[in-house]
Amino acid sequence: MAPFGTLTALSKVSLIFINECGPEEVAYRLYPRFYISGPAVPHSKPFRIWVDLLLYPTHTLPTAAAPVLVGVGLAIHDHVFAPLPAFLGFMASWLIHVSGVLTDNYVLLSRYPEVPEHPELLAALRKATLKLRMLRLAATGCIAAALLTGPYLWQFAGLGAVALGCIGIGASLGYSLGGPLSLTRLGIADAVFFLMFGIVAVAGTYYVQAVAATGHGVVPWSAFVLGLPVGALVTNVLLIDDLRDQDFDRAKGWRTGPVRLGAHWTRCEFVVLTAFAYAMPLGFWLWVSMSPAVLLTWLTLPSAFSIARTVWRSDCFSDLHPLTPRLSTVGVLYARLLAIGIAASQRSVLGWPFWQSGERRCKAWLGAAG
């Protein structure tokens, strides 16, 4: 497909036939390489629009749950598991995540109505089954609902819980809000996703449980390391979206990886993060003396490999679109198996520095070989 012209030119082309054939047909005609069987059929029922296209539970629920599961597994291992703080932390995280998704769609529909990235939503706006005011209220309502968990978490976790909530809200809304300082304009969304889902969410989940169980929130170094492979898989979900929507993002002026560096670079990043995610459990077993149960995460490797192969080979919208919920499901299954492996590990050895436990493991092997 020829490169995009200016946003003005795209607007003129869209307006020529948007009233004639609808936004879903506009998307098909402007971006034919994304489709193999014609334009998508829009969701006509408001309930399906909100559930399938806006709340997007097959994406938002697994990505919010994955780091929480790792934090819970580590808390069980350290005997500080507290179910209610963990559940409230998950609900707050999910609601903040959903608010970010709703805000992203609001920005897309209000500021870039000529970019048919989601033709079903454009069709719903045209038919008045969806209104921008409703999107704005829903995003605000999700933040308000997340804040309802604040008094309880404040009671047990104090200022730390408030700081974690503010960081999460800032990262979620900052994805598309903030003008030139938004994550998409700065081109750092993938790095922020990796940090938020791989470190902040895991350490935060552990922290609120530890404070509730012991009265003090000492977070071990392992809480900042064990979630890194989960952060890699969640970041890959974003990379799939970036590859799928690269032409739309270019029209909006967003500096995602495929826009700045090209699709090949982003595919290489995807493969590296996948390899990182599945190599880390082996390192946890060998050098952190965890239970070999952490290698249960490799049960999800065939699915991850299949997804990576499609990402590497295809530019087609119909191929990439279903990969987002698929990889989200793989990520949450991976996190569950990793949490089981962490919880099954011996408490006494997990606290060792990684070099010390690795030295012990190597000496054991050398002794056995001798």
Protein backbone atom coordinates (compact mmCIF):
# COMPACT_ATOMS: atom_id res chain seq x y z
CA MET A 1 0.00 0.00 0.00
CA ALA A 2 1.24 3.47 -0.82
CA PRO A 3 2.44 5.53 2.15
CA PHE A 4 0.03 7.84 3.90
CA GLY A 5 -0.26 11.38 2.68
CA THR A 6 -1.08 14.19 5.06
CA LEU A 7 -3.94 13.95 7.49
CA THR A 8 -5.79 16.58 5.46
CA ALA A 9 -5.63 14.46 2.34
CA LEU A 10 -6.90 11.46 4.27
CA SER A 11 -9.81 13.53 5.57
CA LYS A 12 -10.81 14.59 2.07
CA VAL A 13 -10.72 11.03 0.77
CA SER A 14 -12.80 9.78 3.69
CA LEU A 15 -15.42 12.51 3.42
CA ILE A 16 -16.02 11.77 -0.28
CA PHE A 17 -17.74 8.49 0.44
CA ILE A 18 -18.21 8.20 4.23
CA ASN A 19 -21.89 9.12 3.93
CA GLU A 20 -22.37 6.83 0.95
CA CYS A 21 -21.06 3.54 2.30
CA GLY A 22 -20.36 4.03 6.00
CA PRO A 23 -17.13 4.15 8.00
CA GLU A 24 -16.63 0.38 7.99
CA GLU A 25 -16.49 0.40 4.17
CA VAL A 26 -14.22 3.46 4.30
CA ALA A 27 -11.72 1.51 6.39
CA TYR A 28 -11.82 -1.36 3.92
CA ARG A 29 -11.24 0.89 0.92
CA LEU A 30 -8.50 2.98 2.50
CA TYR A 31 -6.62 0.07 4.09
CA PRO A 32 -7.32 -2.97 1.88
CA ARG A 33 -4.15 -4.84 2.92
CA PHE A 34 -5.57 -5.28 6.42
CA TYR A 35 -8.55 -7.27 5.16
CA ILE A 36 -8.88 -10.49 3.19
CA SER A 37 -12.66 -10.94 3.04
CA GLY A 38 -14.14 -7.46 3.06
CA PRO A 39 -14.94 -4.94 5.77
CA ALA A 40 -15.85 -5.97 9.27
CA VAL A 41 -19.49 -6.27 10.19
CA PRO A 42 -20.26 -3.64 12.81
CA HIS A 43 -21.76 -4.57 16.17
CA SER A 44 -25.24 -3.06 16.09
CA LYS A 45 -26.35 -3.80 19.65
CA PRO A 46 -25.15 -1.30 22.27
CA PHE A 47 -24.43 -4.09 24.75
CA ARG A 48 -22.12 -5.87 22.32
CA ILE A 49 -20.40 -2.58 21.46
CA TRP A 50 -19.64 -1.86 25.11
CA VAL A 51 -18.58 -5.40 26.01
CA ASP A 52 -16.71 -6.53 22.90
CA LEU A 53 -15.19 -3.25 21.70
CA LEU A 54 -14.85 -1.00 24.75
CA LEU A 55 -14.63 -3.01 27.98
CA TYR A 56 -12.79 -5.69 25.97
CA PRO A 57 -12.69 -8.25 28.82
CA THR A 58 -10.74 -10.82 26.79
CA HIS A 59 -7.88 -8.31 26.77
CA THR A 60 -8.21 -6.12 29.86
CA LEU A 61 -8.99 -8.81 32.46
CA PRO A 62 -6.05 -11.14 31.68
CA THR A 63 -3.51 -8.33 31.40
CA ALA A 64 -4.63 -6.85 34.71
CA ALA A 65 -4.67 -10.25 36.43
CA ALA A 66 -1.29 -11.53 35.24
CA PRO A 67 1.03 -9.41 37.45
CA VAL A 68 -1.36 -9.74 40.41
CA LEU A 69 -1.08 -13.53 40.22
CA VAL A 70 2.72 -13.32 40.42
CA GLY A 71 2.48 -10.99 43.41
CA VAL A 72 0.06 -13.40 45.09
CA GLY A 73 2.35 -16.37 44.41
CA LEU A 74 5.27 -14.56 46.04
CA ALA A 75 3.08 -13.55 48.99
CA ILE A 76 2.01 -17.17 49.52
CA HIS A 77 5.66 -18.19 49.40
CA ASP A 78 6.56 -15.61 52.06
CA HIS A 79 3.49 -16.40 54.19
CA VAL A 80 2.05 -12.89 53.85
CA PHE A 81 -0.86 -13.74 51.56
CA ALA A 82 -3.88 -11.51 52.23
CA PRO A 83 -6.78 -12.27 49.84
CA LEU A 84 -8.88 -9.14 50.34
CA PRO A 85 -6.09 -6.58 49.71
CA ALA A 86 -4.95 -8.64 46.71
CA PHE A 87 -8.48 -8.74 45.26
CA LEU A 88 -9.05 -5.02 45.82
CA GLY A 89 -5.69 -4.27 44.25
CA PHE A 90 -6.66 -6.34 41.22
CA MET A 91 -10.04 -4.61 40.89
CA ALA A 92 -8.44 -1.18 41.12
CA SER A 93 -5.82 -2.17 38.54
CA TRP A 94 -8.44 -3.54 36.14
CA LEU A 95 -10.71 -0.50 36.47
CA ILE A 96 -7.79 1.85 35.84
CA HIS A 97 -6.81 -0.24 32.83
CA VAL A 98 -10.36 -0.14 31.44
CA SER A 99 -10.48 3.61 32.00
CA GLY A 100 -7.34 3.92 29.89
CA VAL A 101 -8.91 1.86 27.10
CA LEU A 102 -12.09 3.98 27.17
CA THR A 103 -10.05 7.18 27.19
CA ASP A 104 -8.02 5.96 24.23
CA ASN A 105 -11.20 5.31 22.24
CA TYR A 106 -12.62 8.68 23.28
CA VAL A 107 -9.51 10.46 22.05
CA LEU A 108 -9.59 8.49 18.81
CA LEU A 109 -13.25 9.21 18.06
CA SER A 110 -13.25 12.86 19.16
CA ARG A 111 -9.91 14.03 17.77
CA TYR A 112 -9.45 11.75 14.77
CA PRO A 113 -12.94 10.97 13.43
CA GLU A 114 -11.53 10.80 9.89
CA VAL A 115 -9.20 7.91 10.82
CA PRO A 116 -11.34 4.73 10.59
CA GLU A 117 -9.30 2.66 13.02
CA HIS A 118 -12.47 1.27 14.63
CA PRO A 119 -15.18 1.42 11.96
CA GLU A 120 -17.69 -0.32 14.23
CA LEU A 121 -17.44 2.52 16.75
CA LEU A 122 -17.73 5.12 14.01
CA ALA A 123 -20.85 3.36 12.76
CA ALA A 124 -22.26 3.32 16.30
CA LEU A 125 -21.64 7.06 16.63
CA ARG A 126 -23.37 7.68 13.34
CA LYS A 127 -26.38 5.62 14.46
CA ALA A 128 -26.37 7.30 17.91
CA THR A 129 -26.05 3.95 19.69
CA LEU A 130 -22.81 5.32 21.15
CA LYS A 131 -22.13 8.87 22.27
CA LEU A 132 -18.86 10.55 23.18
CA ARG A 133 -20.41 11.82 26.41
CA MET A 134 -21.13 8.23 27.42
CA LEU A 135 -17.50 7.27 26.80
CA ARG A 136 -16.26 10.19 28.89
CA LEU A 137 -18.63 9.33 31.74
CA ALA A 138 -17.68 5.66 31.63
CA ALA A 139 -13.95 6.43 31.79
CA THR A 140 -14.54 8.80 34.72
CA GLY A 141 -16.75 6.23 36.42
CA CYS A 142 -14.03 3.57 36.21
CA ILE A 143 -11.54 5.89 37.91
CA ALA A 144 -14.13 6.75 40.58
CA ALA A 145 -14.84 3.05 41.18
CA ALA A 146 -11.11 2.34 41.48
CA LEU A 147 -10.83 5.12 44.04
CA LEU A 148 -13.48 3.41 46.17
CA THR A 149 -10.85 0.83 47.09
CA GLY A 150 -8.67 3.66 48.37
CA PRO A 151 -9.97 3.99 51.96
CA TYR A 152 -9.41 0.30 52.73
CA LEU A 153 -5.99 0.16 51.08
CA TRP A 154 -5.04 3.46 52.74
CA GLN A 155 -5.96 2.03 56.13
CA PHE A 156 -3.49 -0.82 55.74
CA ALA A 157 -0.91 0.40 53.22
CA GLY A 158 -0.97 4.16 53.81
CA LEU A 159 0.81 6.49 51.46
CA GLY A 160 2.31 3.63 49.48
CA ALA A 161 -1.11 2.54 48.24
CA VAL A 162 -1.93 6.11 47.21
CA ALA A 163 1.35 6.42 45.33
CA LEU A 164 0.75 3.15 43.49
CA GLY A 165 -2.74 4.26 42.49
CA CYS A 166 -1.52 7.62 41.22
CA ILE A 167 1.23 5.96 39.19
CA GLY A 168 -1.28 3.56 37.65
CA ILE A 169 -3.78 6.29 36.78
CA GLY A 170 -1.06 8.47 35.31
CA ALA A 171 0.31 5.68 33.13
CA SER A 172 -3.13 4.53 31.96
CA LEU A 173 -4.55 7.94 31.07
CA GLY A 174 -1.18 9.20 29.86
CA TYR A 175 -1.17 6.66 27.06
CA SER A 176 -3.28 8.90 24.82
CA LEU A 177 -3.86 12.06 26.90
CA GLY A 178 -1.30 14.78 27.44
CA GLY A 179 -0.88 16.06 23.90
CA PRO A 180 2.82 16.04 22.93
CA LEU A 181 3.70 14.50 26.31
CA SER A 182 1.45 11.44 25.92
CA LEU A 183 3.18 8.07 25.88
CA THR A 184 2.20 7.51 22.26
CA ARG A 185 3.62 10.87 21.17
CA LEU A 186 6.84 10.32 23.10
CA GLY A 187 7.18 6.80 21.74
CA ILE A 188 7.76 5.19 25.15
CA ALA A 189 4.50 3.28 25.65
CA ASP A 190 6.11 -0.16 25.33
CA ALA A 191 8.80 0.67 27.91
CA VAL A 192 6.18 2.01 30.35
CA PHE A 193 4.03 -1.09 29.86
CA PHE A 194 7.01 -3.31 30.65
CA LEU A 195 7.76 -1.40 33.86
CA MET A 196 4.15 -1.14 35.00
CA PHE A 197 3.13 -4.76 34.40
CA GLY A 198 6.51 -6.34 35.08
CA ILE A 199 7.61 -4.43 38.19
CA VAL A 200 5.16 -1.90 39.64
CA ALA A 201 2.03 -4.10 39.60
CA VAL A 202 3.82 -7.15 41.02
CA ALA A 203 5.66 -5.24 43.75
CA GLY A 204 2.50 -3.26 44.54
CA THR A 205 0.41 -6.43 44.90
CA TYR A 206 2.99 -7.90 47.26
CA TYR A 207 3.26 -4.64 49.21
CA VAL A 208 -0.44 -4.27 50.07
CA GLN A 209 -0.58 -7.90 51.20
CA ALA A 210 2.59 -7.67 53.30
CA VAL A 211 1.35 -4.55 55.09
CA ALA A 212 -2.03 -6.13 55.80
CA ALA A 213 -0.46 -9.37 57.06
CA THR A 214 2.51 -8.09 59.04
CA GLY A 215 1.94 -4.38 59.62
CA HIS A 216 5.00 -3.34 57.62
CA GLY A 217 5.57 -3.30 53.90
CA VAL A 218 9.07 -4.66 53.32
CA VAL A 219 9.22 -5.62 49.64
CA PRO A 220 11.95 -8.18 48.79
CA TRP A 221 14.18 -7.77 45.76
CA SER A 222 12.49 -10.77 44.16
CA ALA A 223 9.23 -8.79 43.82
CA PHE A 224 11.01 -6.51 41.36
CA VAL A 225 12.42 -9.38 39.29
CA LEU A 226 9.91 -12.24 39.20
CA GLY A 227 7.32 -10.29 37.22
CA LEU A 228 9.67 -9.29 34.39
CA PRO A 229 8.69 -12.17 32.08
CA VAL A 230 5.01 -11.33 32.59
CA GLY A 231 5.80 -7.70 31.79
CA ALA A 232 7.43 -8.89 28.56
CA LEU A 233 4.34 -10.84 27.48
CA VAL A 234 1.96 -7.98 28.30
CA THR A 235 4.20 -5.60 26.36
CA ASN A 236 3.96 -7.97 23.41
CA VAL A 237 0.17 -7.53 23.48
CA LEU A 238 0.75 -3.82 22.94
CA LEU A 239 3.25 -4.51 20.14
CA ILE A 240 0.64 -6.56 18.28
CA ASP A 241 -1.75 -3.63 18.49
CA ASP A 242 0.99 -1.29 17.27
CA LEU A 243 1.76 -3.51 14.28
CA ARG A 244 -1.92 -3.90 13.43
CA ASP A 245 -2.66 -0.17 13.69
CA GLN A 246 0.61 1.27 12.39
CA ASP A 247 -0.93 3.12 9.44
CA PHE A 248 -3.67 4.56 11.62
CA ASP A 249 -1.10 5.62 14.23
CA ARG A 250 0.98 7.30 11.54
CA ALA A 251 -2.09 9.28 10.44
CA LYS A 252 -2.68 10.37 14.06
CA GLY A 253 0.92 11.43 14.57
CA TRP A 254 1.59 8.74 17.18
CA ARG A 255 5.22 7.65 17.39
CA THR A 256 4.79 3.96 18.10
CA GLY A 257 7.58 1.51 17.35
CA PRO A 258 6.42 0.55 13.84
CA VAL A 259 5.93 4.22 12.96
CA ARG A 260 9.36 5.35 14.24
CA LEU A 261 11.52 2.33 13.51
CA GLY A 262 9.54 0.17 11.12
CA ALA A 263 7.54 -3.04 11.41
CA HIS A 264 10.64 -5.25 11.16
CA TRP A 265 12.18 -3.64 14.25
CA THR A 266 8.98 -4.16 16.23
CA ARG A 267 8.79 -7.80 15.16
CA CYS A 268 12.37 -8.28 16.35
CA GLU A 269 11.42 -6.65 19.67
CA PHE A 270 8.45 -9.02 19.93
CA VAL A 271 10.63 -12.09 19.37
CA VAL A 272 13.28 -10.89 21.86
CA LEU A 273 10.66 -10.27 24.55
CA THR A 274 9.11 -13.69 23.92
CA ALA A 275 12.51 -15.39 24.21
CA PHE A 276 13.22 -13.38 27.36
CA ALA A 277 9.91 -14.43 28.95
CA TYR A 278 10.59 -18.13 28.42
CA ALA A 279 14.28 -18.02 29.33
CA MET A 280 13.69 -16.30 32.68
CA PRO A 281 12.06 -19.30 34.44
CA LEU A 282 15.15 -21.37 33.67
CA GLY A 283 17.25 -18.65 35.28
CA PHE A 284 14.90 -18.55 38.27
CA TRP A 285 15.41 -22.29 38.74
CA LEU A 286 19.18 -22.35 38.20
CA TRP A 287 20.28 -19.13 39.85
CA VAL A 288 17.55 -18.28 42.35
CA SER A 289 17.07 -21.88 43.54
CA MET A 290 13.36 -21.89 42.87
CA SER A 291 11.35 -25.05 42.50
CA PRO A 292 11.54 -26.61 39.03
CA ALA A 293 7.78 -26.04 39.03
CA VAL A 294 8.51 -22.58 37.55
CA LEU A 295 9.28 -24.45 34.32
CA LEU A 296 5.56 -25.24 34.09
CA THR A 297 5.40 -21.90 32.28
CA TRP A 298 6.89 -23.69 29.27
CA LEU A 299 3.55 -25.43 28.79
CA THR A 300 2.38 -22.18 27.19
CA LEU A 301 5.37 -22.04 24.82
CA PRO A 302 3.66 -23.76 21.84
CA SER A 303 0.88 -21.15 21.86
CA ALA A 304 3.38 -18.31 22.26
CA PHE A 305 5.47 -19.69 19.40
CA SER A 306 2.43 -19.93 17.14
CA ILE A 307 1.53 -16.31 17.90
CA ALA A 308 5.11 -15.13 17.32
CA ARG A 309 5.23 -16.93 13.97
CA THR A 310 2.06 -15.17 12.82
CA VAL A 311 3.34 -11.80 14.02
CA TRP A 312 6.60 -12.34 12.14
CA ARG A 313 4.95 -13.34 8.87
CA SER A 314 1.71 -11.39 8.56
CA ASP A 315 0.61 -7.79 8.08
CA CYS A 316 -3.03 -8.71 7.56
CA PHE A 317 -5.55 -7.20 9.96
CA SER A 318 -7.62 -10.38 10.06
CA ASP A 319 -4.51 -12.34 11.12
CA LEU A 320 -3.28 -9.91 13.76
CA HIS A 321 -6.59 -8.86 15.31
CA PRO A 322 -7.39 -12.16 17.12
CA LEU A 323 -3.84 -12.41 18.46
CA THR A 324 -4.42 -9.74 21.12
CA PRO A 325 -6.90 -11.78 23.21
CA ARG A 326 -4.97 -14.97 22.45
CA LEU A 327 -1.70 -13.58 23.80
CA SER A 328 -3.52 -12.03 26.76
CA THR A 329 -4.82 -15.50 27.63
CA VAL A 330 -1.36 -17.01 27.19
CA GLY A 331 0.03 -14.31 29.48
CA VAL A 332 -2.40 -14.97 32.31
CA LEU A 333 -1.88 -18.75 32.07
CA TYR A 334 1.87 -18.17 32.13
CA ALA A 335 1.48 -15.96 35.21
CA ARG A 336 -0.65 -18.57 36.97
CA LEU A 337 1.93 -21.31 36.36
CA LEU A 338 4.77 -19.03 37.41
CA ALA A 339 2.89 -18.17 40.61
CA ILE A 340 2.49 -21.88 41.35
CA GLY A 341 6.20 -22.40 40.87
CA ILE A 342 7.07 -19.45 43.12
CA ALA A 343 4.70 -20.57 45.86
CA ALA A 344 6.16 -24.10 45.72
CA SER A 345 9.74 -22.90 46.19
CA GLN A 346 11.52 -23.17 49.52
CA ARG A 347 11.37 -20.00 51.54
CA SER A 348 14.90 -20.28 52.89
CA VAL A 349 16.64 -20.32 49.55
CA LEU A 350 14.60 -17.70 47.70
CA GLY A 351 16.09 -14.97 49.86
CA TRP A 352 19.67 -15.80 48.86
CA PRO A 353 21.44 -13.45 46.47
CA PHE A 354 21.23 -14.91 43.00
CA TRP A 355 24.98 -15.39 42.68
CA GLN A 356 25.13 -17.34 45.95
CA SER A 357 22.35 -19.74 45.02
CA GLY A 358 23.82 -20.17 41.55
CA GLU A 359 27.20 -21.03 43.08
CA ARG A 360 25.58 -23.67 45.29
CA ARG A 361 23.77 -25.19 42.32
CA CYS A 362 26.96 -25.32 40.23
CA LYS A 363 28.91 -26.92 43.10
CA ALA A 364 26.18 -29.55 43.46
CA TRP A 365 26.40 -30.36 39.78
CA LEU A 366 30.20 -30.51 39.85
CA GLY A 367 30.11 -32.76 42.89
CA ALA A 368 27.64 -35.09 41.23
CA ALA A 369 29.76 -35.20 38.07
CA GLY A 370 32.90 -35.97 40.09
